[in-house]
Amino acid sequence: MRDNRFPYFPGGFLWGGAQAASQADGAYQEDGKGLNSSDVQPYLKGLSNAEIQRIETEGMTLAEVKKCITDKDSYFPKRYGIDFYHTYKEDIDLLAEMGFKTFRTSIDWSRVFPNGDDLEPNIKALQHYSDMIDYLLYKGIEPIITMNHYETPINITLKYGGWPNREVIGMFERYGKTLLDWFGTRVKYWIVVNQINMVQIEPWLSVGVASDQYENMTEALYQSTHNQMVAAAWIKKYAKSLHLPHLNIGTMVADGTVYPASSKPDDVVLAMQQNRLQYMFTDVQFKGYYPQAAKNYFASHDIHLDIQDGDMDLIRENPMDFLAISYYYSKTVDASKNKLEPSDTTVNPNLEASPWGWEIDPQGLYHSLSLYADRYNKPIIIAENGFGMYDKLESDGTIHDSYRSDYLGKHIEQIGRAIHDGADVIAYCAWGPIDIVSCSSQQMSKRYGFIYVDLDDEGKGTGKRIKKDSFNWYKKVIATNGRKI
């Protein structure tokens, strides 16, 4: 435990953690829930981490999706999660013991509207989430709720072709309205769509589009994000009509800021161009227009968005209230190796990486926070930041994870540095405070938590919760408001 060089966290700063219903809740056959995009991802036993990442990026074909719906032989980890649906009180008690001020989780769209196009919501699901939110508030924990965290109802893929279909906008607006009507007086912070730019990396999870559903997949994916931004603006407009001054509607991106590999002008310019493509999503939602560089990229890739009359007026008149970001690693581009494509990056030889190839760069968080703060002058929530690692349960029941405390501590220090330089960071949500199923690999062995869950990659184990060394470390970080890390 060391003193933070930049102990500039303001009073009332929201320390906490984050998870997704799709990775934690389980209970996929209870209370009328429908299948969603996460529920049909099988655990791929025996593959390397690199192979798993490649499959995730490629997505699923429509035939594979249909097969997984009826597959009785494969194991689908996200259908079971860590059973948070039933254990949420005990788990929230552990978060409260650490001193959590906030907890970010999602409401499963496919539980509230099992088919997506249902005209009436599932009241059992709404009552469950109402009870969970009440329990968080009872424990003094501010809920941050994501409306869609990779939980698109599978029926929307099969019947409507996923988010590229403009009919989905209205379905999601009905869902968003339902959530605000039920919980708007109790939940201050809403993230409409998790990591809206991850459509470039995780198209299946992001927008529920099978990899062979459209002839021009790139166009379909960007149409999806446009439709999501239209829906988000409508939800913001509806939130304003409720006249609840505490209500905040935000957007979220996975930080994709890149460095140039060298001072060569070609590298510097390529990095700038890549970053422009990343800023496009937030530029639209905060500034109300597509930048010319984005329009040029669309033209060069034969992308013709269906932007209907009123879309951009709605977006411009209803900008998001805050920016949420996830940050795990930085990226680098080399003009001799990479092209102007969102996911085309190269290894940074100056950084160490996790077993999953995620390069560890605390200063990259300071760098990105500063750029976002300068560009938008909006409150910022760090909605995810964490270190996935293979943890070892010792024979005496302890888990020594100093590597996690070290990783998080160095990143927290850089957040303090960014706040000192003017970034309005209001919350820090460490990813996966309780071990959950990995989003990208479907593994339990890729662990992020301060709390160990006794389950393996195939769902075997007791499910028992065990505090890791990092549990007490983070408890002290919160108690000292980031001064002791």
Protein backbone atom coordinates (compact mmCIF):
# COMPACT_ATOMS: atom_id res chain seq x y z
CA MET A 1 0.00 0.00 0.00
CA ARG A 2 1.54 3.29 -1.09
CA ASP A 3 0.51 6.94 -1.07
CA ASN A 4 -1.01 8.07 -4.35
CA ARG A 5 1.19 10.66 -6.04
CA PHE A 6 -1.99 12.28 -7.30
CA PRO A 7 -4.50 12.15 -4.39
CA TYR A 8 -6.99 14.43 -6.08
CA PHE A 9 -10.21 12.45 -5.82
CA PRO A 10 -13.03 14.81 -4.80
CA GLY A 11 -15.36 14.23 -1.90
CA GLY A 12 -18.32 12.15 -2.99
CA PHE A 13 -16.30 10.31 -5.63
CA LEU A 14 -18.07 7.08 -6.57
CA TRP A 15 -15.79 4.12 -5.94
CA GLY A 16 -17.13 0.76 -7.00
CA GLY A 17 -17.21 -1.97 -9.58
CA ALA A 18 -19.06 -3.22 -12.64
CA GLN A 19 -20.45 -6.35 -14.19
CA ALA A 20 -23.04 -7.40 -16.80
CA ALA A 21 -26.22 -9.38 -16.25
CA SER A 22 -25.28 -11.51 -19.27
CA GLN A 23 -22.11 -12.68 -17.51
CA ALA A 24 -23.35 -12.89 -13.94
CA ASP A 25 -27.08 -13.46 -13.57
CA GLY A 26 -27.59 -16.98 -14.94
CA ALA A 27 -31.12 -18.35 -14.31
CA TYR A 28 -31.72 -18.44 -18.05
CA GLN A 29 -34.82 -20.62 -17.78
CA GLU A 30 -36.51 -18.73 -14.95
CA ASP A 31 -39.24 -16.11 -14.74
CA GLY A 32 -39.93 -15.98 -18.48
CA LYS A 33 -36.49 -14.95 -19.71
CA GLY A 34 -35.73 -15.31 -23.42
CA LEU A 35 -32.37 -16.18 -24.97
CA ASN A 36 -30.05 -13.32 -25.89
CA SER A 37 -26.89 -12.91 -27.96
CA SER A 38 -24.64 -13.92 -25.04
CA ASP A 39 -26.63 -17.04 -24.18
CA VAL A 40 -25.72 -18.82 -27.43
CA GLN A 41 -21.94 -18.55 -27.07
CA PRO A 42 -20.46 -21.96 -26.17
CA TYR A 43 -17.32 -22.54 -24.15
CA LEU A 44 -14.64 -23.59 -26.65
CA LYS A 45 -12.54 -26.07 -24.73
CA GLY A 46 -8.94 -26.67 -25.74
CA LEU A 47 -8.43 -23.54 -27.82
CA SER A 48 -5.63 -21.06 -27.26
CA ASN A 49 -6.43 -17.54 -26.11
CA ALA A 50 -5.47 -16.22 -29.55
CA GLU A 51 -7.86 -18.66 -31.26
CA ILE A 52 -10.67 -17.67 -28.92
CA GLN A 53 -10.09 -13.97 -29.64
CA ARG A 54 -10.13 -14.62 -33.40
CA ILE A 55 -13.46 -16.46 -33.20
CA GLU A 56 -14.93 -13.65 -31.12
CA THR A 57 -13.97 -11.07 -33.75
CA GLU A 58 -15.31 -13.19 -36.63
CA GLY A 59 -18.68 -13.62 -34.91
CA MET A 60 -21.23 -16.36 -35.54
CA THR A 61 -22.94 -17.44 -38.74
CA LEU A 62 -26.71 -17.66 -38.79
CA ALA A 63 -26.51 -21.45 -39.01
CA GLU A 64 -24.23 -21.52 -35.94
CA VAL A 65 -26.66 -19.31 -34.02
CA LYS A 66 -29.60 -21.58 -34.81
CA LYS A 67 -27.58 -24.67 -33.92
CA CYS A 68 -26.56 -23.21 -30.56
CA ILE A 69 -30.17 -22.43 -29.67
CA THR A 70 -31.06 -26.14 -29.74
CA ASP A 71 -27.63 -27.60 -28.82
CA LYS A 72 -27.98 -29.94 -25.83
CA ASP A 73 -24.37 -31.11 -25.76
CA SER A 74 -22.25 -27.95 -25.51
CA TYR A 75 -21.81 -25.87 -22.35
CA PHE A 76 -23.01 -22.27 -22.54
CA PRO A 77 -21.44 -20.50 -19.54
CA LYS A 78 -23.37 -17.24 -19.74
CA ARG A 79 -26.66 -19.06 -19.31
CA TYR A 80 -25.50 -19.88 -15.78
CA GLY A 81 -23.09 -17.05 -14.91
CA ILE A 82 -22.37 -17.03 -11.17
CA ASP A 83 -26.08 -17.26 -10.28
CA PHE A 84 -26.18 -13.58 -9.28
CA TYR A 85 -29.91 -13.66 -10.04
CA HIS A 86 -30.33 -15.64 -6.81
CA THR A 87 -27.26 -14.57 -4.81
CA TYR A 88 -27.40 -10.80 -5.36
CA LYS A 89 -28.06 -9.98 -1.70
CA GLU A 90 -25.09 -11.95 -0.39
CA ASP A 91 -22.90 -10.58 -3.18
CA ILE A 92 -23.97 -6.99 -2.61
CA ASP A 93 -23.26 -7.48 1.08
CA LEU A 94 -19.64 -8.26 0.16
CA LEU A 95 -19.45 -5.15 -2.03
CA ALA A 96 -20.83 -3.07 0.83
CA GLU A 97 -18.21 -4.59 3.14
CA MET A 98 -15.54 -3.21 0.80
CA GLY A 99 -17.22 0.19 1.07
CA PHE A 100 -18.61 0.42 -2.47
CA LYS A 101 -20.22 3.75 -3.27
CA THR A 102 -21.51 2.59 -6.65
CA PHE A 103 -22.17 -0.60 -8.57
CA ARG A 104 -22.68 -0.79 -12.31
CA THR A 105 -24.70 -3.69 -13.67
CA SER A 106 -27.15 -4.22 -16.51
CA ILE A 107 -30.78 -5.10 -16.83
CA ASP A 108 -31.21 -8.01 -19.24
CA TRP A 109 -33.33 -6.82 -22.17
CA SER A 110 -34.23 -10.44 -22.97
CA ARG A 111 -35.61 -10.90 -19.48
CA VAL A 112 -37.82 -7.80 -19.55
CA PHE A 113 -38.92 -8.24 -23.19
CA PRO A 114 -38.10 -11.91 -23.91
CA ASN A 115 -38.59 -11.60 -27.67
CA GLY A 116 -37.60 -7.97 -28.04
CA ASP A 117 -40.77 -7.17 -29.96
CA ASP A 118 -43.19 -7.94 -27.11
CA LEU A 119 -45.78 -5.23 -26.58
CA GLU A 120 -45.89 -5.69 -22.80
CA PRO A 121 -42.97 -6.24 -20.40
CA ASN A 122 -42.35 -9.23 -18.17
CA ILE A 123 -43.46 -7.98 -14.75
CA LYS A 124 -41.61 -10.76 -12.89
CA ALA A 125 -38.34 -9.54 -14.38
CA LEU A 126 -39.04 -5.91 -13.55
CA GLN A 127 -39.91 -6.82 -9.98
CA HIS A 128 -36.65 -8.76 -9.63
CA TYR A 129 -34.57 -5.82 -10.81
CA SER A 130 -36.62 -3.48 -8.65
CA ASP A 131 -35.76 -5.58 -5.61
CA MET A 132 -32.07 -5.63 -6.58
CA ILE A 133 -31.96 -1.84 -7.01
CA ASP A 134 -33.72 -1.34 -3.69
CA TYR A 135 -31.17 -3.57 -2.00
CA LEU A 136 -28.27 -1.60 -3.48
CA LEU A 137 -29.80 1.64 -2.21
CA TYR A 138 -30.46 0.06 1.19
CA LYS A 139 -26.73 -0.71 1.37
CA GLY A 140 -25.82 2.85 0.41
CA ILE A 141 -24.61 1.89 -3.08
CA GLU A 142 -25.51 4.11 -6.04
CA PRO A 143 -26.66 1.95 -8.99
CA ILE A 144 -25.32 2.69 -12.46
CA ILE A 145 -27.51 0.74 -14.86
CA THR A 146 -26.70 -0.29 -18.42
CA MET A 147 -29.78 -0.84 -20.56
CA ASN A 148 -28.10 -3.19 -23.03
CA HIS A 149 -24.86 -5.00 -22.19
CA TYR A 150 -24.68 -7.63 -24.96
CA GLU A 151 -28.20 -8.87 -24.22
CA THR A 152 -30.05 -8.41 -27.51
CA PRO A 153 -32.96 -10.89 -27.60
CA ILE A 154 -32.16 -13.68 -30.06
CA ASN A 155 -35.55 -13.25 -31.74
CA ILE A 156 -34.40 -9.85 -32.97
CA THR A 157 -31.56 -11.56 -34.86
CA LEU A 158 -33.72 -14.31 -36.31
CA LYS A 159 -36.83 -12.30 -37.19
CA TYR A 160 -35.47 -8.82 -37.87
CA GLY A 161 -31.79 -9.28 -38.76
CA GLY A 162 -30.51 -7.51 -35.64
CA TRP A 163 -29.86 -3.83 -35.05
CA PRO A 164 -29.43 -2.83 -38.75
CA ASN A 165 -33.22 -3.05 -39.02
CA ARG A 166 -34.78 0.29 -38.08
CA GLU A 167 -37.77 -1.52 -36.56
CA VAL A 168 -35.48 -2.41 -33.66
CA ILE A 169 -35.19 1.26 -32.72
CA GLY A 170 -38.82 1.36 -31.62
CA MET A 171 -38.50 -1.91 -29.72
CA PHE A 172 -35.54 -0.59 -27.76
CA GLU A 173 -37.25 2.74 -27.12
CA ARG A 174 -40.19 0.84 -25.60
CA TYR A 175 -37.72 -1.04 -23.41
CA GLY A 176 -35.89 2.13 -22.37
CA LYS A 177 -39.15 3.89 -21.54
CA THR A 178 -40.21 0.93 -19.41
CA LEU A 179 -36.97 1.05 -17.42
CA LEU A 180 -37.19 4.80 -16.82
CA ASP A 181 -40.85 4.51 -15.80
CA TRP A 182 -40.03 1.77 -13.29
CA PHE A 183 -36.68 2.92 -11.96
CA GLY A 184 -36.13 6.53 -13.02
CA THR A 185 -36.79 7.91 -9.56
CA ARG A 186 -34.23 5.57 -8.01
CA VAL A 187 -31.44 5.29 -10.61
CA LYS A 188 -29.50 8.46 -11.42
CA TYR A 189 -27.05 7.15 -14.00
CA TRP A 190 -28.04 5.19 -17.12
CA ILE A 191 -25.70 3.90 -19.82
CA VAL A 192 -27.87 3.18 -22.86
CA VAL A 193 -25.57 0.81 -24.78
CA ASN A 194 -22.43 -0.86 -23.51
CA GLN A 195 -19.32 0.09 -25.52
CA ILE A 196 -21.17 1.27 -28.62
CA ASN A 197 -17.96 1.25 -30.67
CA MET A 198 -17.21 -2.41 -29.97
CA VAL A 199 -19.31 -3.25 -33.00
CA GLN A 200 -15.91 -3.01 -34.72
CA ILE A 201 -14.47 -5.82 -32.57
CA GLU A 202 -17.43 -7.83 -31.23
CA PRO A 203 -20.15 -7.48 -33.87
CA TRP A 204 -22.21 -10.45 -32.71
CA LEU A 205 -22.46 -9.38 -29.10
CA SER A 206 -22.80 -5.68 -29.89
CA VAL A 207 -25.67 -5.69 -32.34
CA GLY A 208 -26.92 -9.26 -32.70
CA VAL A 209 -25.90 -9.61 -36.35
CA ALA A 210 -24.72 -12.98 -37.65
CA SER A 211 -21.55 -12.78 -39.73
CA ASP A 212 -23.30 -13.85 -42.95
CA GLN A 213 -26.62 -12.03 -42.56
CA TYR A 214 -25.74 -9.05 -44.77
CA GLU A 215 -23.88 -8.73 -48.05
CA ASN A 216 -22.15 -5.55 -46.91
CA MET A 217 -21.41 -6.37 -43.28
CA THR A 218 -19.44 -3.19 -42.63
CA GLU A 219 -22.40 -1.10 -43.73
CA ALA A 220 -24.77 -3.20 -41.61
CA LEU A 221 -22.61 -2.72 -38.51
CA TYR A 222 -22.39 1.06 -38.84
CA GLN A 223 -26.12 1.22 -39.57
CA SER A 224 -26.57 -0.64 -36.30
CA THR A 225 -24.66 1.95 -34.30
CA HIS A 226 -26.54 4.76 -36.03
CA ASN A 227 -29.81 3.11 -35.02
CA GLN A 228 -28.53 2.72 -31.46
CA MET A 229 -27.64 6.41 -31.33
CA VAL A 230 -31.10 7.38 -32.57
CA ALA A 231 -32.66 5.20 -29.87
CA ALA A 232 -30.37 6.69 -27.22
CA ALA A 233 -31.35 10.21 -28.23
CA TRP A 234 -35.06 9.30 -28.00
CA ILE A 235 -34.50 7.83 -24.54
CA LYS A 236 -32.70 11.02 -23.49
CA LYS A 237 -35.65 13.05 -24.83
CA TYR A 238 -38.08 10.90 -22.86
CA ALA A 239 -35.93 11.22 -19.73
CA LYS A 240 -36.14 15.01 -20.00
CA SER A 241 -39.93 14.79 -20.19
CA LEU A 242 -39.99 13.12 -16.76
CA HIS A 243 -38.61 16.31 -15.16
CA LEU A 244 -36.33 14.41 -12.80
CA PRO A 245 -33.30 16.70 -12.39
CA HIS A 246 -31.09 13.89 -11.09
CA LEU A 247 -31.60 11.69 -14.18
CA ASN A 248 -28.48 11.30 -16.34
CA ILE A 249 -28.38 9.43 -19.66
CA GLY A 250 -24.92 8.56 -20.96
CA THR A 251 -23.07 6.86 -23.76
CA MET A 252 -20.19 4.43 -23.41
CA VAL A 253 -17.20 3.49 -25.55
CA ALA A 254 -14.37 1.05 -25.18
CA ASP A 255 -11.34 3.30 -25.29
CA GLY A 256 -9.68 2.77 -28.65
CA THR A 257 -7.17 5.60 -28.57
CA VAL A 258 -3.98 4.61 -30.42
CA TYR A 259 -0.37 5.75 -30.29
CA PRO A 260 1.91 6.15 -33.30
CA ALA A 261 4.61 3.46 -33.31
CA SER A 262 7.26 6.11 -33.92
CA SER A 263 7.74 9.80 -34.64
CA LYS A 264 7.65 9.06 -38.37
CA PRO A 265 5.03 11.36 -39.91
CA ASP A 266 3.24 8.40 -41.52
CA ASP A 267 2.79 6.75 -38.10
CA VAL A 268 1.67 9.99 -36.44
CA VAL A 269 -0.89 10.74 -39.15
CA LEU A 270 -2.27 7.18 -39.18
CA ALA A 271 -2.73 7.33 -35.40
CA MET A 272 -4.57 10.62 -35.72
CA GLN A 273 -6.84 9.17 -38.40
CA GLN A 274 -7.54 6.05 -36.35
CA ASN A 275 -8.44 8.17 -33.35
CA ARG A 276 -10.82 10.24 -35.44
CA LEU A 277 -12.72 7.05 -36.29
CA GLN A 278 -12.97 6.23 -32.59
CA TYR A 279 -14.15 9.71 -31.68
CA MET A 280 -16.89 9.47 -34.33
CA PHE A 281 -19.25 7.67 -31.96
CA THR A 282 -18.93 10.24 -29.21
CA ASP A 283 -18.77 13.17 -31.63
CA VAL A 284 -22.18 12.20 -32.97
CA GLN A 285 -23.72 11.80 -29.51
CA PHE A 286 -22.20 14.93 -27.98
CA LYS A 287 -21.87 17.25 -30.99
CA GLY A 288 -24.80 16.05 -33.09
CA TYR A 289 -23.11 15.36 -36.42
CA TYR A 290 -20.93 12.87 -38.27
CA PRO A 291 -17.42 14.31 -38.78
CA GLN A 292 -16.24 14.66 -42.37
CA ALA A 293 -13.47 12.11 -41.79
CA ALA A 294 -16.14 9.53 -40.87
CA LYS A 295 -18.15 10.40 -43.98
CA ASN A 296 -15.02 9.94 -46.09
CA TYR A 297 -14.37 6.55 -44.47
CA PHE A 298 -17.94 5.50 -45.21
CA ALA A 299 -17.62 6.56 -48.85
CA SER A 300 -14.37 4.64 -49.32
CA HIS A 301 -15.94 1.47 -47.87
CA ASP A 302 -19.22 1.64 -49.83
CA ILE A 303 -21.15 2.40 -46.64
CA HIS A 304 -24.47 4.15 -47.24
CA LEU A 305 -26.29 4.80 -43.98
CA ASP A 306 -30.05 5.06 -43.90
CA ILE A 307 -30.23 8.37 -42.04
CA GLN A 308 -33.86 9.40 -42.12
CA ASP A 309 -35.39 12.83 -41.76
CA GLY A 310 -35.31 13.87 -38.14
CA ASP A 311 -32.56 11.46 -37.03
CA MET A 312 -29.82 14.03 -36.73
CA ASP A 313 -32.14 16.69 -35.30
CA LEU A 314 -33.14 14.25 -32.57
CA ILE A 315 -29.51 13.38 -31.82
CA ARG A 316 -28.35 17.00 -31.87
CA GLU A 317 -31.16 18.20 -29.61
CA ASN A 318 -30.65 15.38 -27.09
CA PRO A 319 -26.91 15.01 -26.43
CA MET A 320 -25.75 12.52 -23.84
CA ASP A 321 -25.18 13.79 -20.30
CA PHE A 322 -21.94 11.94 -19.57
CA LEU A 323 -19.29 9.75 -21.14
CA ALA A 324 -18.57 6.29 -19.79
CA ILE A 325 -15.44 4.47 -20.93
CA SER A 326 -13.86 1.09 -20.47
CA TYR A 327 -10.09 0.98 -20.36
CA TYR A 328 -7.89 -2.10 -20.19
CA TYR A 329 -4.97 -1.44 -22.54
CA SER A 330 -3.63 0.96 -25.15
CA LYS A 331 -3.06 0.30 -28.84
CA THR A 332 -0.38 1.23 -31.36
CA VAL A 333 -0.34 1.67 -35.13
CA ASP A 334 2.56 1.37 -37.56
CA ALA A 335 1.95 2.75 -41.04
CA SER A 336 4.26 0.13 -42.56
CA LYS A 337 2.07 -2.66 -41.12
CA ASN A 338 -1.37 -1.23 -40.44
CA LYS A 339 -4.14 0.35 -42.48
CA LEU A 340 -6.85 2.81 -41.57
CA GLU A 341 -9.13 0.18 -40.03
CA PRO A 342 -10.46 0.32 -36.45
CA SER A 343 -9.03 -3.00 -35.28
CA ASP A 344 -5.78 -2.99 -37.27
CA THR A 345 -3.06 -2.36 -34.67
CA THR A 346 0.40 -3.63 -33.81
CA VAL A 347 2.24 -4.77 -30.69
CA ASN A 348 3.88 -2.07 -28.59
CA PRO A 349 7.37 -3.41 -27.70
CA ASN A 350 7.58 -1.04 -24.73
CA LEU A 351 4.73 -2.68 -22.81
CA GLU A 352 4.18 -5.98 -21.03
CA ALA A 353 0.96 -7.89 -21.69
CA SER A 354 -1.46 -10.17 -19.88
CA PRO A 355 -1.81 -13.84 -20.92
CA TRP A 356 -4.55 -12.68 -23.27
CA GLY A 357 -2.24 -10.23 -25.02
CA TRP A 358 -3.71 -7.09 -23.43
CA GLU A 359 -0.88 -4.58 -23.11
CA ILE A 360 -0.59 -2.96 -19.68
CA ASP A 361 -0.35 0.83 -19.88
CA PRO A 362 -1.56 2.88 -16.89
CA GLN A 363 -0.41 6.18 -18.42
CA GLY A 364 -2.59 5.39 -21.42
CA LEU A 365 -5.61 5.94 -19.16
CA TYR A 366 -4.36 9.40 -18.18
CA HIS A 367 -3.73 10.11 -21.86
CA SER A 368 -7.22 9.07 -22.96
CA LEU A 369 -9.07 10.72 -20.07
CA SER A 370 -7.31 13.99 -20.81
CA LEU A 371 -8.21 13.85 -24.50
CA TYR A 372 -11.87 13.08 -23.79
CA ALA A 373 -12.06 15.83 -21.18
CA ASP A 374 -10.58 18.41 -23.54
CA ARG A 375 -12.81 17.33 -26.44
CA TYR A 376 -16.20 17.12 -24.73
CA ASN A 377 -16.05 18.82 -21.30
CA LYS A 378 -18.49 16.25 -19.93
CA PRO A 379 -18.51 14.21 -16.71
CA ILE A 380 -16.69 10.90 -17.18
CA ILE A 381 -17.43 7.54 -15.59
CA ILE A 382 -14.77 4.86 -15.80
CA ALA A 383 -17.25 2.07 -16.35
CA GLU A 384 -14.68 -0.71 -16.64
CA ASN A 385 -11.03 -1.17 -15.75
CA GLY A 386 -9.59 -4.46 -14.63
CA PHE A 387 -6.96 -7.17 -14.89
CA GLY A 388 -7.98 -10.64 -16.05
CA MET A 389 -5.60 -13.26 -14.71
CA TYR A 390 -5.31 -16.90 -13.71
CA ASP A 391 -5.76 -16.86 -9.94
CA LYS A 392 -4.60 -19.72 -7.71
CA LEU A 393 -6.67 -20.90 -4.78
CA GLU A 394 -4.14 -21.99 -2.16
CA SER A 395 -4.60 -25.04 0.06
CA ASP A 396 -5.37 -22.76 3.01
CA GLY A 397 -8.18 -21.04 1.08
CA THR A 398 -6.33 -17.82 0.28
CA ILE A 399 -5.77 -16.12 -3.09
CA HIS A 400 -2.70 -13.91 -3.35
CA ASP A 401 -3.29 -11.49 -6.24
CA SER A 402 -0.84 -8.65 -5.72
CA TYR A 403 -0.59 -8.35 -9.52
CA ARG A 404 -4.21 -7.17 -9.54
CA SER A 405 -3.67 -4.57 -6.82
CA ASP A 406 -0.57 -3.39 -8.64
CA TYR A 407 -2.37 -3.05 -11.98
CA LEU A 408 -5.40 -1.26 -10.53
CA GLY A 409 -3.35 0.92 -8.21
CA LYS A 410 -1.24 2.25 -11.05
CA HIS A 411 -4.35 3.02 -13.09
CA ILE A 412 -6.08 4.72 -10.16
CA GLU A 413 -3.01 6.89 -9.71
CA GLN A 414 -3.34 8.04 -13.32
CA ILE A 415 -7.02 8.84 -12.81
CA GLY A 416 -6.03 11.13 -9.95
CA ARG A 417 -3.49 12.73 -12.27
CA ALA A 418 -6.19 13.33 -14.91
CA ILE A 419 -8.56 14.82 -12.32
CA HIS A 420 -5.77 17.14 -11.17
CA ASP A 421 -5.40 18.32 -14.78
CA GLY A 422 -9.11 19.06 -15.14
CA ALA A 423 -10.88 15.85 -16.17
CA ASP A 424 -14.30 15.64 -14.46
CA VAL A 425 -14.11 11.96 -13.52
CA ILE A 426 -16.97 11.17 -11.14
CA ALA A 427 -16.83 7.39 -10.76
CA TYR A 428 -14.46 4.43 -10.98
CA CYS A 429 -15.92 0.97 -11.57
CA ALA A 430 -13.37 -1.81 -11.37
CA TRP A 431 -14.42 -4.55 -13.76
CA GLY A 432 -15.73 -7.77 -12.35
CA PRO A 433 -15.43 -7.20 -8.58
CA ILE A 434 -16.83 -10.72 -8.22
CA ASP A 435 -15.44 -13.27 -10.69
CA ILE A 436 -17.83 -13.72 -13.62
CA VAL A 437 -17.82 -15.46 -17.00
CA SER A 438 -15.43 -13.70 -19.39
CA CYS A 439 -17.18 -11.75 -22.13
CA SER A 440 -14.67 -12.55 -24.86
CA SER A 441 -13.55 -16.08 -24.00
CA GLN A 442 -16.50 -17.57 -22.05
CA GLN A 443 -13.96 -18.59 -19.39
CA MET A 444 -14.27 -18.48 -15.60
CA SER A 445 -10.51 -18.93 -15.35
CA LYS A 446 -10.00 -15.42 -16.73
CA ARG A 447 -10.65 -13.80 -13.38
CA TYR A 448 -10.99 -10.11 -12.55
CA GLY A 449 -12.56 -10.08 -9.12
CA PHE A 450 -11.68 -9.08 -5.60
CA ILE A 451 -13.91 -12.03 -4.75
CA TYR A 452 -13.16 -15.53 -6.04
CA VAL A 453 -16.04 -17.72 -7.24
CA ASP A 454 -15.46 -21.45 -6.98
CA LEU A 455 -16.47 -22.41 -10.51
CA ASP A 456 -14.30 -23.64 -13.38
CA ASP A 457 -14.58 -23.11 -17.13
CA GLU A 458 -17.13 -25.91 -17.41
CA GLY A 459 -19.31 -24.66 -14.57
CA LYS A 460 -18.10 -27.19 -12.04
CA GLY A 461 -17.62 -26.14 -8.43
CA THR A 462 -19.44 -25.02 -5.34
CA GLY A 463 -20.00 -21.40 -6.37
CA LYS A 464 -18.60 -20.36 -2.98
CA ARG A 465 -17.34 -16.76 -2.69
CA ILE A 466 -13.83 -16.30 -1.26
CA LYS A 467 -12.11 -12.98 -0.58
CA LYS A 468 -8.81 -12.44 -2.37
CA ASP A 469 -5.96 -10.33 -0.98
CA SER A 470 -7.13 -7.52 -3.27
CA PHE A 471 -10.45 -7.38 -1.37
CA ASN A 472 -8.84 -5.70 1.65
CA TRP A 473 -6.56 -3.65 -0.60
CA TYR A 474 -9.51 -2.10 -2.45
CA LYS A 475 -11.39 -1.63 0.80
CA LYS A 476 -8.54 0.61 2.01
CA VAL A 477 -8.39 2.47 -1.31
CA ILE A 478 -12.05 3.37 -0.93
CA ALA A 479 -11.74 4.22 2.79
CA THR A 480 -8.91 6.67 2.03
CA ASN A 481 -10.63 8.09 -1.09
CA GLY A 482 -7.78 6.96 -3.28
CA ARG A 483 -4.98 8.29 -1.12
CA LYS A 484 -3.70 4.84 -0.14
CA ILE A 485 -3.18 2.56 -3.14
